Amino acid sequence: MRPDAVVQGRRWLEQAEADRRGAQLLFDGASYHLACFIAQQVAEKALKAFILPDNIPAQVYTRNAAEETLRIADQALALVRKKFPRG
């Protein structure tokens, strides 16, 4: 990853972390629907920090990046599946 790409990725990660702190404030204030929405945004920005900071998608999305992001997506799916009753 180019140095400027790392800087851009860190900026997205910093924003995700700031948003996470805001989501906690919403949670503490019993604004649960907003806390859930912001939590989704936090996850999206954190992933963006990992997969979007360098060049164009056709050049950035290598096999390794695809494997890692699919693994993360699988973890998210598994977590959500556990929330649903067996049917």
C-alpha atoms as a PDB file:
ATOM      1  CA  MET A   1       0.000   0.000   0.000  1.00  0.00           C
ATOM      2  CA  ARG A   2       1.321   3.433  -0.891  1.00  0.00           C
ATOM      3  CA  PRO A   3       2.052   5.821   2.014  1.00  0.00           C
ATOM      4  CA  ASP A   4      -0.774   8.180   0.986  1.00  0.00           C
ATOM      5  CA  ALA A   5      -3.139   5.195   0.837  1.00  0.00           C
ATOM      6  CA  VAL A   6      -2.193   4.289   4.397  1.00  0.00           C
ATOM      7  CA  VAL A   7      -2.918   7.866   5.484  1.00  0.00           C
ATOM      8  CA  GLN A   8      -6.325   7.732   3.791  1.00  0.00           C
ATOM      9  CA  GLY A   9      -7.085   4.364   5.374  1.00  0.00           C
ATOM     10  CA  ARG A  10      -6.136   5.675   8.796  1.00  0.00           C
ATOM     11  CA  ARG A  11      -8.459   8.655   8.281  1.00  0.00           C
ATOM     12  CA  TRP A  12     -11.395   6.328   7.584  1.00  0.00           C
ATOM     13  CA  LEU A  13     -10.455   4.233  10.615  1.00  0.00           C
ATOM     14  CA  GLU A  14     -10.208   7.334  12.806  1.00  0.00           C
ATOM     15  CA  GLN A  15     -13.674   8.405  11.660  1.00  0.00           C
ATOM     16  CA  ALA A  16     -15.048   4.923  12.356  1.00  0.00           C
ATOM     17  CA  GLU A  17     -13.626   5.058  15.873  1.00  0.00           C
ATOM     18  CA  ALA A  18     -15.114   8.519  16.469  1.00  0.00           C
ATOM     19  CA  ASP A  19     -18.480   7.314  15.201  1.00  0.00           C
ATOM     20  CA  ARG A  20     -18.269   4.316  17.530  1.00  0.00           C
ATOM     21  CA  ARG A  21     -17.871   6.655  20.485  1.00  0.00           C
ATOM     22  CA  GLY A  22     -20.922   8.560  19.264  1.00  0.00           C
ATOM     23  CA  ALA A  23     -22.883   5.326  18.960  1.00  0.00           C
ATOM     24  CA  GLN A  24     -22.079   4.602  22.600  1.00  0.00           C
ATOM     25  CA  LEU A  25     -23.495   7.982  23.610  1.00  0.00           C
ATOM     26  CA  LEU A  26     -26.669   7.216  21.677  1.00  0.00           C
ATOM     27  CA  PHE A  27     -26.876   3.825  23.367  1.00  0.00           C
ATOM     28  CA  ASP A  28     -26.337   5.358  26.802  1.00  0.00           C
ATOM     29  CA  GLY A  29     -29.116   7.842  26.023  1.00  0.00           C
ATOM     30  CA  ALA A  30     -31.503   4.980  25.119  1.00  0.00           C
ATOM     31  CA  SER A  31     -31.584   5.960  21.428  1.00  0.00           C
ATOM     32  CA  TYR A  32     -31.181   2.331  20.479  1.00  0.00           C
ATOM     33  CA  HIS A  33     -32.419   2.660  16.910  1.00  0.00           C
ATOM     34  CA  LEU A  34     -29.840   5.354  16.197  1.00  0.00           C
ATOM     35  CA  ALA A  35     -27.091   3.413  17.971  1.00  0.00           C
ATOM     36  CA  CYS A  36     -27.809   0.453  15.677  1.00  0.00           C
ATOM     37  CA  PHE A  37     -27.725   2.630  12.577  1.00  0.00           C
ATOM     38  CA  ILE A  38     -24.426   4.246  13.555  1.00  0.00           C
ATOM     39  CA  ALA A  39     -22.951   0.840  14.456  1.00  0.00           C
ATOM     40  CA  GLN A  40     -23.657  -0.293  10.895  1.00  0.00           C
ATOM     41  CA  GLN A  41     -21.925   2.831   9.614  1.00  0.00           C
ATOM     42  CA  VAL A  42     -18.934   2.167  11.890  1.00  0.00           C
ATOM     43  CA  ALA A  43     -18.497  -1.321  10.437  1.00  0.00           C
ATOM     44  CA  GLU A  44     -18.785   0.030   6.900  1.00  0.00           C
ATOM     45  CA  LYS A  45     -16.194   2.759   7.505  1.00  0.00           C
ATOM     46  CA  ALA A  46     -13.818   0.314   9.183  1.00  0.00           C
ATOM     47  CA  LEU A  47     -14.027  -1.993   6.170  1.00  0.00           C
ATOM     48  CA  LYS A  48     -13.601   0.980   3.859  1.00  0.00           C
ATOM     49  CA  ALA A  49     -10.394   1.840   5.721  1.00  0.00           C
ATOM     50  CA  PHE A  50      -9.113  -1.614   4.828  1.00  0.00           C
ATOM     51  CA  ILE A  51     -10.279  -2.024   1.240  1.00  0.00           C
ATOM     52  CA  LEU A  52     -10.631   1.439  -0.322  1.00  0.00           C
ATOM     53  CA  PRO A  53      -7.524   3.559   0.433  1.00  0.00           C
ATOM     54  CA  ASP A  54      -5.389   2.681  -2.589  1.00  0.00           C
ATOM     55  CA  ASN A  55      -5.918   3.487  -6.287  1.00  0.00           C
ATOM     56  CA  ILE A  56      -8.865   2.055  -8.262  1.00  0.00           C
ATOM     57  CA  PRO A  57     -10.797  -1.099  -7.301  1.00  0.00           C
ATOM     58  CA  ALA A  58      -9.506  -3.129 -10.259  1.00  0.00           C
ATOM     59  CA  GLN A  59      -5.956  -2.568  -9.021  1.00  0.00           C
ATOM     60  CA  VAL A  60      -6.590  -2.729  -5.283  1.00  0.00           C
ATOM     61  CA  TYR A  61      -8.757  -5.772  -4.900  1.00  0.00           C
ATOM     62  CA  THR A  62      -6.220  -8.543  -4.918  1.00  0.00           C
ATOM     63  CA  ARG A  63      -6.880 -12.164  -4.065  1.00  0.00           C
ATOM     64  CA  ASN A  64      -5.641 -11.539  -0.511  1.00  0.00           C
ATOM     65  CA  ALA A  65      -7.917  -8.529  -0.055  1.00  0.00           C
ATOM     66  CA  ALA A  66     -10.879 -10.506  -1.380  1.00  0.00           C
ATOM     67  CA  GLU A  67     -10.152 -13.441   0.933  1.00  0.00           C
ATOM     68  CA  GLU A  68      -9.890 -11.157   3.953  1.00  0.00           C
ATOM     69  CA  THR A  69     -13.054  -9.192   3.196  1.00  0.00           C
ATOM     70  CA  LEU A  70     -15.011 -12.381   2.507  1.00  0.00           C
ATOM     71  CA  ARG A  71     -13.811 -13.758   5.844  1.00  0.00           C
ATOM     72  CA  ILE A  72     -15.022 -10.595   7.589  1.00  0.00           C
ATOM     73  CA  ALA A  73     -18.350 -10.791   5.738  1.00  0.00           C
ATOM     74  CA  ASP A  74     -18.718 -14.428   6.805  1.00  0.00           C
ATOM     75  CA  GLN A  75     -18.138 -13.425  10.416  1.00  0.00           C
ATOM     76  CA  ALA A  76     -20.843 -10.762  10.177  1.00  0.00           C
ATOM     77  CA  LEU A  77     -23.263 -13.237   8.595  1.00  0.00           C
ATOM     78  CA  ALA A  78     -22.547 -15.858  11.241  1.00  0.00           C
ATOM     79  CA  LEU A  79     -23.170 -13.354  14.005  1.00  0.00           C
ATOM     80  CA  VAL A  80     -26.505 -12.305  12.516  1.00  0.00           C
ATOM     81  CA  ARG A  81     -27.555 -15.920  11.825  1.00  0.00           C
ATOM     82  CA  LYS A  82     -27.152 -16.673  15.542  1.00  0.00           C
ATOM     83  CA  LYS A  83     -29.764 -14.014  16.269  1.00  0.00           C
ATOM     84  CA  PHE A  84     -32.461 -15.849  14.307  1.00  0.00           C
ATOM     85  CA  PRO A  85     -34.283 -18.916  15.659  1.00  0.00           C
ATOM     86  CA  ARG A  86     -33.765 -22.187  13.872  1.00  0.00           C
ATOM     87  CA  GLY A  87     -36.458 -22.769  11.287  1.00  0.00           C
END
